[in-house]
PDB file of N, CA and C in Angstrom:
ATOM      1  N   MET A   1      66.823  88.987  99.448  1.00  0.00           N
ATOM      2  CA  MET A   1      65.798  89.131  98.453  1.00  0.00           C
ATOM      3  C   MET A   1      64.443  88.822  99.062  1.00  0.00           C
ATOM      4  N   ILE A   2      63.465  89.555  98.856  1.00  0.00           N
ATOM      5  CA  ILE A   2      62.096  89.270  99.332  1.00  0.00           C
ATOM      6  C   ILE A   2      61.372  88.480  98.308  1.00  0.00           C
ATOM      7  N   LEU A   3      60.721  87.400  98.743  1.00  0.00           N
ATOM      8  CA  LEU A   3      60.063  86.451  97.837  1.00  0.00           C
ATOM      9  C   LEU A   3      58.619  86.216  98.342  1.00  0.00           C
ATOM     10  N   THR A   4      57.594  86.567  97.490  1.00  0.00           N
ATOM     11  CA  THR A   4      56.263  86.502  97.931  1.00  0.00           C
ATOM     12  C   THR A   4      55.301  86.094  96.888  1.00  0.00           C
ATOM     13  N   THR A   5      54.173  85.497  97.321  1.00  0.00           N
ATOM     14  CA  THR A   5      53.143  85.110  96.436  1.00  0.00           C
ATOM     15  C   THR A   5      52.177  86.313  96.279  1.00  0.00           C
ATOM     16  N   THR A   6      52.315  87.308  96.994  1.00  0.00           N
ATOM     17  CA  THR A   6      51.423  88.494  96.876  1.00  0.00           C
ATOM     18  C   THR A   6      51.992  89.494  95.848  1.00  0.00           C
ATOM     19  N   ALA A   7      51.113  90.386  95.441  1.00  0.00           N
ATOM     20  CA  ALA A   7      51.466  91.392  94.445  1.00  0.00           C
ATOM     21  C   ALA A   7      52.284  92.507  94.995  1.00  0.00           C
ATOM     22  N   GLU A   8      52.198  92.757  96.280  1.00  0.00           N
ATOM     23  CA  GLU A   8      52.841  93.870  96.959  1.00  0.00           C
ATOM     24  C   GLU A   8      53.628  93.357  98.145  1.00  0.00           C
ATOM     25  N   VAL A   9      54.516  94.161  98.585  1.00  0.00           N
ATOM     26  CA  VAL A   9      55.373  93.934  99.759  1.00  0.00           C
ATOM     27  C   VAL A   9      55.034  95.027 100.784  1.00  0.00           C
ATOM     28  N   PRO A  10      54.582  94.644 101.931  1.00  0.00           N
ATOM     29  CA  PRO A  10      54.277  95.684 102.935  1.00  0.00           C
ATOM     30  C   PRO A  10      55.364  96.628 103.261  1.00  0.00           C
ATOM     31  N   GLY A  11      55.127  97.950 103.222  1.00  0.00           N
ATOM     32  CA  GLY A  11      56.179  98.899 103.494  1.00  0.00           C
ATOM     33  C   GLY A  11      56.992  99.317 102.279  1.00  0.00           C
ATOM     34  N   TYR A  12      56.687  98.770 101.079  1.00  0.00           N
ATOM     35  CA  TYR A  12      57.516  98.997  99.911  1.00  0.00           C
ATOM     36  C   TYR A  12      56.524  99.296  98.735  1.00  0.00           C
ATOM     37  N   ALA A  13      57.023  99.989  97.748  1.00  0.00           N
ATOM     38  CA  ALA A  13      56.372 100.176  96.528  1.00  0.00           C
ATOM     39  C   ALA A  13      57.256  99.616  95.441  1.00  0.00           C
ATOM     40  N   VAL A  14      56.687  99.172  94.308  1.00  0.00           N
ATOM     41  CA  VAL A  14      57.445  98.659  93.164  1.00  0.00           C
ATOM     42  C   VAL A  14      58.028  99.857  92.522  1.00  0.00           C
ATOM     43  N   GLY A  15      59.319  99.951  92.475  1.00  0.00           N
ATOM     44  CA  GLY A  15      59.997 101.109  91.849  1.00  0.00           C
ATOM     45  C   GLY A  15      60.282 100.847  90.350  1.00  0.00           C
ATOM     46  N   GLU A  16      60.482  99.568  90.028  1.00  0.00           N
ATOM     47  CA  GLU A  16      60.811  99.197  88.671  1.00  0.00           C
ATOM     48  C   GLU A  16      60.482  97.716  88.495  1.00  0.00           C
ATOM     49  N   VAL A  17      59.768  97.336  87.441  1.00  0.00           N
ATOM     50  CA  VAL A  17      59.585  95.897  87.052  1.00  0.00           C
ATOM     51  C   VAL A  17      60.667  95.459  86.147  1.00  0.00           C
ATOM     52  N   LEU A  18      61.370  94.495  86.564  1.00  0.00           N
ATOM     53  CA  LEU A  18      62.489  93.974  85.720  1.00  0.00           C
ATOM     54  C   LEU A  18      62.120  92.956  84.735  1.00  0.00           C
ATOM     55  N   GLY A  19      60.958  92.220  85.003  1.00  0.00           N
ATOM     56  CA  GLY A  19      60.493  91.237  84.106  1.00  0.00           C
ATOM     57  C   GLY A  19      60.185  89.922  84.799  1.00  0.00           C
ATOM     58  N   VAL A  20      59.520  89.171  84.062  1.00  0.00           N
ATOM     59  CA  VAL A  20      59.142  87.712  84.584  1.00  0.00           C
ATOM     60  C   VAL A  20      60.458  86.918  84.643  1.00  0.00           C
ATOM     61  N   VAL A  21      60.509  86.158  85.732  1.00  0.00           N
ATOM     62  CA  VAL A  21      61.706  85.257  85.973  1.00  0.00           C
ATOM     63  C   VAL A  21      61.096  83.837  86.052  1.00  0.00           C
ATOM     64  N   PHE A  22      61.865  82.851  85.581  1.00  0.00           N
ATOM     65  CA  PHE A  22      61.429  81.444  85.589  1.00  0.00           C
ATOM     66  C   PHE A  22      62.537  80.654  86.199  1.00  0.00           C
ATOM     67  N   GLY A  23      62.118  79.547  86.701  1.00  0.00           N
ATOM     68  CA  GLY A  23      63.091  78.452  87.058  1.00  0.00           C
ATOM     69  C   GLY A  23      62.315  77.113  86.828  1.00  0.00           C
ATOM     70  N   ASN A  24      62.916  76.231  86.148  1.00  0.00           N
ATOM     71  CA  ASN A  24      62.215  74.980  85.886  1.00  0.00           C
ATOM     72  C   ASN A  24      63.172  73.794  85.976  1.00  0.00           C
ATOM     73  N   THR A  25      62.595  72.609  86.126  1.00  0.00           N
ATOM     74  CA  THR A  25      63.347  71.396  86.128  1.00  0.00           C
ATOM     75  C   THR A  25      62.463  70.309  85.573  1.00  0.00           C
ATOM     76  N   VAL A  26      62.973  69.276  84.925  1.00  0.00           N
ATOM     77  CA  VAL A  26      62.215  68.103  84.518  1.00  0.00           C
ATOM     78  C   VAL A  26      62.796  66.975  85.211  1.00  0.00           C
ATOM     79  N   ARG A  27      61.959  66.161  85.970  1.00  0.00           N
ATOM     80  CA  ARG A  27      62.474  65.074  86.709  1.00  0.00           C
ATOM     81  C   ARG A  27      61.792  63.805  86.287  1.00  0.00           C
ATOM     82  N   THR A  28      62.488  62.700  86.589  1.00  0.00           N
ATOM     83  CA  THR A  28      61.906  61.397  86.441  1.00  0.00           C
ATOM     84  C   THR A  28      62.476  60.425  87.480  1.00  0.00           C
ATOM     85  N   LYS A  29      61.791  59.452  87.941  1.00  0.00           N
ATOM     86  CA  LYS A  29      62.219  58.459  88.903  1.00  0.00           C
ATOM     87  C   LYS A  29      62.913  57.325  88.138  1.00  0.00           C
ATOM     88  N   ASN A  30      63.785  56.618  88.799  1.00  0.00           N
ATOM     89  CA  ASN A  30      64.407  55.497  88.199  1.00  0.00           C
ATOM     90  C   ASN A  30      63.451  54.288  88.090  1.00  0.00           C
ATOM     91  N   VAL A  31      63.752  53.328  87.278  1.00  0.00           N
ATOM     92  CA  VAL A  31      62.872  52.198  87.048  1.00  0.00           C
ATOM     93  C   VAL A  31      62.521  51.391  88.348  1.00  0.00           C
ATOM     94  N   GLY A  32      63.500  51.271  89.189  1.00  0.00           N
ATOM     95  CA  GLY A  32      63.254  50.522  90.401  1.00  0.00           C
ATOM     96  C   GLY A  32      62.222  51.192  91.318  1.00  0.00           C
ATOM     97  N   LYS A  33      62.337  52.575  91.438  1.00  0.00           N
ATOM     98  CA  LYS A  33      61.397  53.317  92.236  1.00  0.00           C
ATOM     99  C   LYS A  33      60.056  53.355  91.472  1.00  0.00           C
ATOM    100  N   ASP A  34      59.983  53.403  90.167  1.00  0.00           N
ATOM    101  CA  ASP A  34      58.753  53.293  89.440  1.00  0.00           C
ATOM    102  C   ASP A  34      58.003  52.104  89.703  1.00  0.00           C
ATOM    103  N   VAL A  35      58.765  50.966  89.749  1.00  0.00           N
ATOM    104  CA  VAL A  35      58.084  49.648  90.088  1.00  0.00           C
ATOM    105  C   VAL A  35      57.543  49.688  91.436  1.00  0.00           C
ATOM    106  N   MET A  36      58.261  50.210  92.404  1.00  0.00           N
ATOM    107  CA  MET A  36      57.785  50.232  93.786  1.00  0.00           C
ATOM    108  C   MET A  36      56.489  51.101  93.899  1.00  0.00           C
ATOM    109  N   ALA A  37      56.526  52.229  93.226  1.00  0.00           N
ATOM    110  CA  ALA A  37      55.387  53.124  93.201  1.00  0.00           C
ATOM    111  C   ALA A  37      54.208  52.457  92.613  1.00  0.00           C
ATOM    112  N   GLY A  38      54.421  51.720  91.525  1.00  0.00           N
ATOM    113  CA  GLY A  38      53.320  51.010  90.769  1.00  0.00           C
ATOM    114  C   GLY A  38      52.711  49.989  91.712  1.00  0.00           C
ATOM    115  N   LEU A  39      53.561  49.322  92.432  1.00  0.00           N
ATOM    116  CA  LEU A  39      53.022  48.289  93.365  1.00  0.00           C
ATOM    117  C   LEU A  39      52.236  48.890  94.591  1.00  0.00           C
ATOM    118  N   LYS A  40      52.690  50.128  95.010  1.00  0.00           N
ATOM    119  CA  LYS A  40      52.044  50.802  96.045  1.00  0.00           C
ATOM    120  C   LYS A  40      50.651  51.346  95.545  1.00  0.00           C
ATOM    121  N   SER A  41      50.622  51.623  94.204  1.00  0.00           N
ATOM    122  CA  SER A  41      49.304  52.130  93.783  1.00  0.00           C
ATOM    123  C   SER A  41      48.213  51.097  93.779  1.00  0.00           C
ATOM    124  N   LEU A  42      48.616  49.790  93.845  1.00  0.00           N
ATOM    125  CA  LEU A  42      47.687  48.703  93.882  1.00  0.00           C
ATOM    126  C   LEU A  42      46.873  48.739  95.220  1.00  0.00           C
ATOM    127  N   VAL A  43      47.579  49.078  96.301  1.00  0.00           N
ATOM    128  CA  VAL A  43      46.946  49.060  97.594  1.00  0.00           C
ATOM    129  C   VAL A  43      46.493  50.408  98.117  1.00  0.00           C
ATOM    130  N   GLY A  44      46.964  51.436  97.472  1.00  0.00           N
ATOM    131  CA  GLY A  44      46.557  52.822  97.881  1.00  0.00           C
ATOM    132  C   GLY A  44      47.536  53.390  98.877  1.00  0.00           C
ATOM    133  N   GLY A  45      47.409  54.695  98.997  1.00  0.00           N
ATOM    134  CA  GLY A  45      48.284  55.383  99.903  1.00  0.00           C
ATOM    135  C   GLY A  45      49.254  56.371  99.202  1.00  0.00           C
ATOM    136  N   GLU A  46      49.991  57.072  99.980  1.00  0.00           N
ATOM    137  CA  GLU A  46      50.824  58.084  99.380  1.00  0.00           C
ATOM    138  C   GLU A  46      52.064  57.422  98.704  1.00  0.00           C
ATOM    139  N   LEU A  47      52.383  57.959  97.478  1.00  0.00           N
ATOM    140  CA  LEU A  47      53.534  57.483  96.733  1.00  0.00           C
ATOM    141  C   LEU A  47      54.781  58.348  97.160  1.00  0.00           C
ATOM    142  N   GLU A  48      55.355  57.955  98.322  1.00  0.00           N
ATOM    143  CA  GLU A  48      56.506  58.802  98.847  1.00  0.00           C
ATOM    144  C   GLU A  48      57.565  59.043  97.840  1.00  0.00           C
ATOM    145  N   GLU A  49      57.890  58.136  96.979  1.00  0.00           N
ATOM    146  CA  GLU A  49      58.952  58.359  95.984  1.00  0.00           C
ATOM    147  C   GLU A  49      58.622  59.600  95.130  1.00  0.00           C
ATOM    148  N   TYR A  50      57.342  59.707  94.688  1.00  0.00           N
ATOM    149  CA  TYR A  50      56.942  60.808  93.849  1.00  0.00           C
ATOM    150  C   TYR A  50      56.857  62.119  94.624  1.00  0.00           C
ATOM    151  N   THR A  51      56.411  61.987  95.928  1.00  0.00           N
ATOM    152  CA  THR A  51      56.310  63.165  96.754  1.00  0.00           C
ATOM    153  C   THR A  51      57.656  63.762  96.940  1.00  0.00           C
ATOM    154  N   SER A  52      58.561  62.862  97.183  1.00  0.00           N
ATOM    155  CA  SER A  52      60.031  63.316  97.363  1.00  0.00           C
ATOM    156  C   SER A  52      60.621  63.935  96.118  1.00  0.00           C
ATOM    157  N   MET A  53      60.354  63.307  94.985  1.00  0.00           N
ATOM    158  CA  MET A  53      60.774  63.773  93.709  1.00  0.00           C
ATOM    159  C   MET A  53      60.260  65.220  93.395  1.00  0.00           C
ATOM    160  N   LEU A  54      58.940  65.381  93.669  1.00  0.00           N
ATOM    161  CA  LEU A  54      58.303  66.678  93.308  1.00  0.00           C
ATOM    162  C   LEU A  54      58.757  67.672  94.352  1.00  0.00           C
ATOM    163  N   ALA A  55      58.985  67.385  95.539  1.00  0.00           N
ATOM    164  CA  ALA A  55      59.490  68.355  96.570  1.00  0.00           C
ATOM    165  C   ALA A  55      60.968  68.794  96.142  1.00  0.00           C
ATOM    166  N   ASP A  56      61.806  67.854  95.704  1.00  0.00           N
ATOM    167  CA  ASP A  56      63.129  68.212  95.261  1.00  0.00           C
ATOM    168  C   ASP A  56      63.067  69.119  94.007  1.00  0.00           C
ATOM    169  N   ALA A  57      62.142  68.743  93.121  1.00  0.00           N
ATOM    170  CA  ALA A  57      61.919  69.533  91.875  1.00  0.00           C
ATOM    171  C   ALA A  57      61.474  70.960  92.198  1.00  0.00           C
ATOM    172  N   ARG A  58      60.608  71.082  93.129  1.00  0.00           N
ATOM    173  CA  ARG A  58      60.022  72.465  93.527  1.00  0.00           C
ATOM    174  C   ARG A  58      61.162  73.253  94.031  1.00  0.00           C
ATOM    175  N   THR A  59      61.967  72.741  94.932  1.00  0.00           N
ATOM    176  CA  THR A  59      63.091  73.456  95.496  1.00  0.00           C
ATOM    177  C   THR A  59      64.112  73.930  94.417  1.00  0.00           C
ATOM    178  N   GLU A  60      64.386  72.985  93.486  1.00  0.00           N
ATOM    179  CA  GLU A  60      65.313  73.316  92.370  1.00  0.00           C
ATOM    180  C   GLU A  60      64.739  74.353  91.509  1.00  0.00           C
ATOM    181  N   ALA A  61      63.484  74.286  91.082  1.00  0.00           N
ATOM    182  CA  ALA A  61      62.868  75.329  90.263  1.00  0.00           C
ATOM    183  C   ALA A  61      62.865  76.726  90.986  1.00  0.00           C
ATOM    184  N   TYR A  62      62.489  76.626  92.238  1.00  0.00           N
ATOM    185  CA  TYR A  62      62.420  77.870  93.046  1.00  0.00           C
ATOM    186  C   TYR A  62      63.895  78.536  93.055  1.00  0.00           C
ATOM    187  N   ASN A  63      64.893  77.677  93.401  1.00  0.00           N
ATOM    188  CA  ASN A  63      66.201  78.330  93.397  1.00  0.00           C
ATOM    189  C   ASN A  63      66.655  78.875  92.005  1.00  0.00           C
ATOM    190  N   ARG A  64      66.330  78.170  91.007  1.00  0.00           N
ATOM    191  CA  ARG A  64      66.686  78.684  89.685  1.00  0.00           C
ATOM    192  C   ARG A  64      65.942  80.002  89.383  1.00  0.00           C
ATOM    193  N   MET A  65      64.655  80.174  89.859  1.00  0.00           N
ATOM    194  CA  MET A  65      63.960  81.421  89.610  1.00  0.00           C
ATOM    195  C   MET A  65      64.594  82.515  90.481  1.00  0.00           C
ATOM    196  N   VAL A  66      64.994  82.267  91.686  1.00  0.00           N
ATOM    197  CA  VAL A  66      65.597  83.229  92.553  1.00  0.00           C
ATOM    198  C   VAL A  66      66.982  83.633  91.905  1.00  0.00           C
ATOM    199  N   ASN A  67      67.724  82.721  91.431  1.00  0.00           N
ATOM    200  CA  ASN A  67      69.033  83.011  90.712  1.00  0.00           C
ATOM    201  C   ASN A  67      68.767  83.936  89.518  1.00  0.00           C
ATOM    202  N   ALA A  68      67.754  83.673  88.733  1.00  0.00           N
ATOM    203  CA  ALA A  68      67.397  84.508  87.567  1.00  0.00           C
ATOM    204  C   ALA A  68      67.055  85.899  88.018  1.00  0.00           C
ATOM    205  N   ALA A  69      66.330  86.115  89.090  1.00  0.00           N
ATOM    206  CA  ALA A  69      65.958  87.466  89.628  1.00  0.00           C
ATOM    207  C   ALA A  69      67.258  88.138  90.132  1.00  0.00           C
ATOM    208  N   HIS A  70      68.107  87.383  90.835  1.00  0.00           N
ATOM    209  CA  HIS A  70      69.403  87.912  91.286  1.00  0.00           C
ATOM    210  C   HIS A  70      70.206  88.371  90.151  1.00  0.00           C
ATOM    211  N   ASP A  71      70.292  87.690  89.088  1.00  0.00           N
ATOM    212  CA  ASP A  71      71.053  88.123  87.934  1.00  0.00           C
ATOM    213  C   ASP A  71      70.502  89.366  87.281  1.00  0.00           C
ATOM    214  N   LEU A  72      69.269  89.687  87.495  1.00  0.00           N
ATOM    215  CA  LEU A  72      68.642  90.916  86.961  1.00  0.00           C
ATOM    216  C   LEU A  72      68.853  92.017  87.952  1.00  0.00           C
ATOM    217  N   GLY A  73      69.314  91.796  89.147  1.00  0.00           N
ATOM    218  CA  GLY A  73      69.471  92.798  90.094  1.00  0.00           C
ATOM    219  C   GLY A  73      68.256  93.151  90.961  1.00  0.00           C
ATOM    220  N   ALA A  74      67.311  92.170  91.035  1.00  0.00           N
ATOM    221  CA  ALA A  74      66.046  92.372  91.715  1.00  0.00           C
ATOM    222  C   ALA A  74      66.268  92.409  93.210  1.00  0.00           C
ATOM    223  N   ASP A  75      65.294  93.252  93.838  1.00  0.00           N
ATOM    224  CA  ASP A  75      65.228  93.253  95.278  1.00  0.00           C
ATOM    225  C   ASP A  75      64.200  92.191  95.742  1.00  0.00           C
ATOM    226  N   ALA A  76      63.256  91.877  94.929  1.00  0.00           N
ATOM    227  CA  ALA A  76      62.197  90.911  95.258  1.00  0.00           C
ATOM    228  C   ALA A  76      61.673  90.267  94.015  1.00  0.00           C
ATOM    229  N   VAL A  77      60.926  89.135  94.309  1.00  0.00           N
ATOM    230  CA  VAL A  77      60.098  88.470  93.300  1.00  0.00           C
ATOM    231  C   VAL A  77      58.740  88.437  93.884  1.00  0.00           C
ATOM    232  N   VAL A  78      57.743  89.039  93.131  1.00  0.00           N
ATOM    233  CA  VAL A  78      56.373  89.093  93.656  1.00  0.00           C
ATOM    234  C   VAL A  78      55.597  88.158  92.753  1.00  0.00           C
ATOM    235  N   ASN A  79      54.275  87.850  93.204  1.00  0.00           N
ATOM    236  CA  ASN A  79      53.440  87.042  92.492  1.00  0.00           C
ATOM    237  C   ASN A  79      53.959  85.627  92.051  1.00  0.00           C
ATOM    238  N   ILE A  80      54.745  85.047  93.010  1.00  0.00           N
ATOM    239  CA  ILE A  80      55.378  83.770  92.679  1.00  0.00           C
ATOM    240  C   ILE A  80      54.210  82.644  92.525  1.00  0.00           C
ATOM    241  N   ARG A  81      54.436  81.883  91.564  1.00  0.00           N
ATOM    242  CA  ARG A  81      53.474  80.803  91.316  1.00  0.00           C
ATOM    243  C   ARG A  81      54.313  79.478  90.847  1.00  0.00           C
ATOM    244  N   PHE A  82      53.781  78.347  91.084  1.00  0.00           N
ATOM    245  CA  PHE A  82      54.306  77.121  90.685  1.00  0.00           C
ATOM    246  C   PHE A  82      53.319  76.360  89.765  1.00  0.00           C
ATOM    247  N   THR A  83      53.766  75.701  88.792  1.00  0.00           N
ATOM    248  CA  THR A  83      52.914  74.832  87.956  1.00  0.00           C
ATOM    249  C   THR A  83      53.793  73.529  87.595  1.00  0.00           C
ATOM    250  N   THR A  84      53.063  72.545  87.352  1.00  0.00           N
ATOM    251  CA  THR A  84      53.656  71.229  86.986  1.00  0.00           C
ATOM    252  C   THR A  84      53.007  70.715  85.718  1.00  0.00           C
ATOM    253  N   SER A  85      53.718  69.931  84.947  1.00  0.00           N
ATOM    254  CA  SER A  85      53.123  69.249  83.735  1.00  0.00           C
ATOM    255  C   SER A  85      53.846  67.994  83.476  1.00  0.00           C
ATOM    256  N   GLN A  86      53.200  67.088  82.903  1.00  0.00           N
ATOM    257  CA  GLN A  86      53.806  65.806  82.465  1.00  0.00           C
ATOM    258  C   GLN A  86      54.446  66.128  81.089  1.00  0.00           C
ATOM    259  N   THR A  87      55.714  65.902  80.977  1.00  0.00           N
ATOM    260  CA  THR A  87      56.407  66.098  79.637  1.00  0.00           C
ATOM    261  C   THR A  87      56.466  64.814  78.835  1.00  0.00           C
ATOM    262  N   MET A  88      56.525  63.703  79.446  1.00  0.00           N
ATOM    263  CA  MET A  88      56.478  62.361  78.793  1.00  0.00           C
ATOM    264  C   MET A  88      55.899  61.398  79.794  1.00  0.00           C
ATOM    265  N   GLY A  89      55.821  60.140  79.492  1.00  0.00           N
ATOM    266  CA  GLY A  89      55.173  59.158  80.346  1.00  0.00           C
ATOM    267  C   GLY A  89      55.653  59.092  81.826  1.00  0.00           C
ATOM    268  N   ALA A  90      56.990  59.238  82.025  1.00  0.00           N
ATOM    269  CA  ALA A  90      57.483  59.041  83.461  1.00  0.00           C
ATOM    270  C   ALA A  90      58.235  60.366  83.853  1.00  0.00           C
ATOM    271  N   ALA A  91      58.004  61.460  83.231  1.00  0.00           N
ATOM    272  CA  ALA A  91      58.749  62.671  83.554  1.00  0.00           C
ATOM    273  C   ALA A  91      57.711  63.810  83.824  1.00  0.00           C
ATOM    274  N   ALA A  92      58.147  64.636  84.820  1.00  0.00           N
ATOM    275  CA  ALA A  92      57.278  65.859  85.088  1.00  0.00           C
ATOM    276  C   ALA A  92      58.147  67.049  85.156  1.00  0.00           C
ATOM    277  N   GLU A  93      57.591  68.233  84.653  1.00  0.00           N
ATOM    278  CA  GLU A  93      58.319  69.461  84.750  1.00  0.00           C
ATOM    279  C   GLU A  93      57.612  70.272  85.845  1.00  0.00           C
ATOM    280  N   LEU A  94      58.536  70.878  86.643  1.00  0.00           N
ATOM    281  CA  LEU A  94      58.015  71.825  87.662  1.00  0.00           C
ATOM    282  C   LEU A  94      58.568  73.157  87.315  1.00  0.00           C
ATOM    283  N   LEU A  95      57.702  74.165  87.216  1.00  0.00           N
ATOM    284  CA  LEU A  95      58.049  75.522  86.801  1.00  0.00           C
ATOM    285  C   LEU A  95      57.680  76.417  87.992  1.00  0.00           C
ATOM    286  N   ALA A  96      58.651  77.277  88.387  1.00  0.00           N
ATOM    287  CA  ALA A  96      58.436  78.449  89.289  1.00  0.00           C
ATOM    288  C   ALA A  96      58.585  79.699  88.528  1.00  0.00           C
ATOM    289  N   TYR A  97      57.628  80.665  88.711  1.00  0.00           N
ATOM    290  CA  TYR A  97      57.771  81.896  88.037  1.00  0.00           C
ATOM    291  C   TYR A  97      57.174  83.065  88.879  1.00  0.00           C
ATOM    292  N   GLY A  98      57.630  84.241  88.646  1.00  0.00           N
ATOM    293  CA  GLY A  98      57.168  85.401  89.237  1.00  0.00           C
ATOM    294  C   GLY A  98      57.646  86.612  88.613  1.00  0.00           C
ATOM    295  N   THR A  99      57.426  87.819  89.123  1.00  0.00           N
ATOM    296  CA  THR A  99      57.845  89.096  88.557  1.00  0.00           C
ATOM    297  C   THR A  99      58.979  89.646  89.368  1.00  0.00           C
ATOM    298  N   ALA A 100      60.042  89.851  88.780  1.00  0.00           N
ATOM    299  CA  ALA A 100      61.310  90.427  89.452  1.00  0.00           C
ATOM    300  C   ALA A 100      61.183  91.951  89.515  1.00  0.00           C
ATOM    301  N   VAL A 101      61.254  92.496  90.684  1.00  0.00           N
ATOM    302  CA  VAL A 101      61.113  93.951  90.833  1.00  0.00           C
ATOM    303  C   VAL A 101      62.251  94.621  91.622  1.00  0.00           C
ATOM    304  N   LYS A 102      62.355  95.936  91.457  1.00  0.00           N
ATOM    305  CA  LYS A 102      63.173  96.766  92.419  1.00  0.00           C
ATOM    306  C   LYS A 102      62.158  97.384  93.297  1.00  0.00           C
ATOM    307  N   LEU A 103      62.421  97.458  94.622  1.00  0.00           N
ATOM    308  CA  LEU A 103      61.554  98.052  95.593  1.00  0.00           C
ATOM    309  C   LEU A 103      62.045  99.400  96.069  1.00  0.00           C
ATOM    310  N   VAL A 104      61.159 100.220  96.413  1.00  0.00           N
ATOM    311  CA  VAL A 104      61.481 101.518  97.106  1.00  0.00           C
ATOM    312  C   VAL A 104      60.653 101.541  98.444  1.00  0.00           C
ATOM    313  N   PRO A 105      61.276 102.042  99.487  1.00  0.00           N
ATOM    314  CA  PRO A 105      60.542 102.083 100.753  1.00  0.00           C
ATOM    315  C   PRO A 105      59.412 103.133 100.701  1.00  0.00           C
ATOM    316  N   ARG A 106      58.228 102.813 101.278  1.00  0.00           N
ATOM    317  CA  ARG A 106      57.180 103.777 101.356  1.00  0.00           C
ATOM    318  C   ARG A 106      57.422 104.780 102.446  1.00  0.00           C
ATOM    319  N   LYS A 107      56.980 105.927 102.313  1.00  0.00           N
ATOM    320  CA  LYS A 107      57.277 106.995 103.315  1.00  0.00           C
ATOM    321  C   LYS A 107      56.062 107.226 104.183  1.00  0.00           C
TER     322      LYS A 107
END
């Protein structure tokens, strides 16, 4: 499956739009890691615990989006985007979305 943030795939035309596909996950860190991140915020620097959590969440959301496209029989997902939001005090949602399409080779 071709996955891209662009609207078009070089060498192909969109033959059919199958629809918007989504993948999301909501994550939170455990209390121990929250305490460590809080202490780190006092002195500054990267909060590795949260960086790691969001990287894992991004991968999971991406994989869920790809699986949704696969279930529709897509050849590609174009215009892929990511967004994140805080769902509650210590939880964040990461959402991946794009347009599932069938491609046809350009002549």
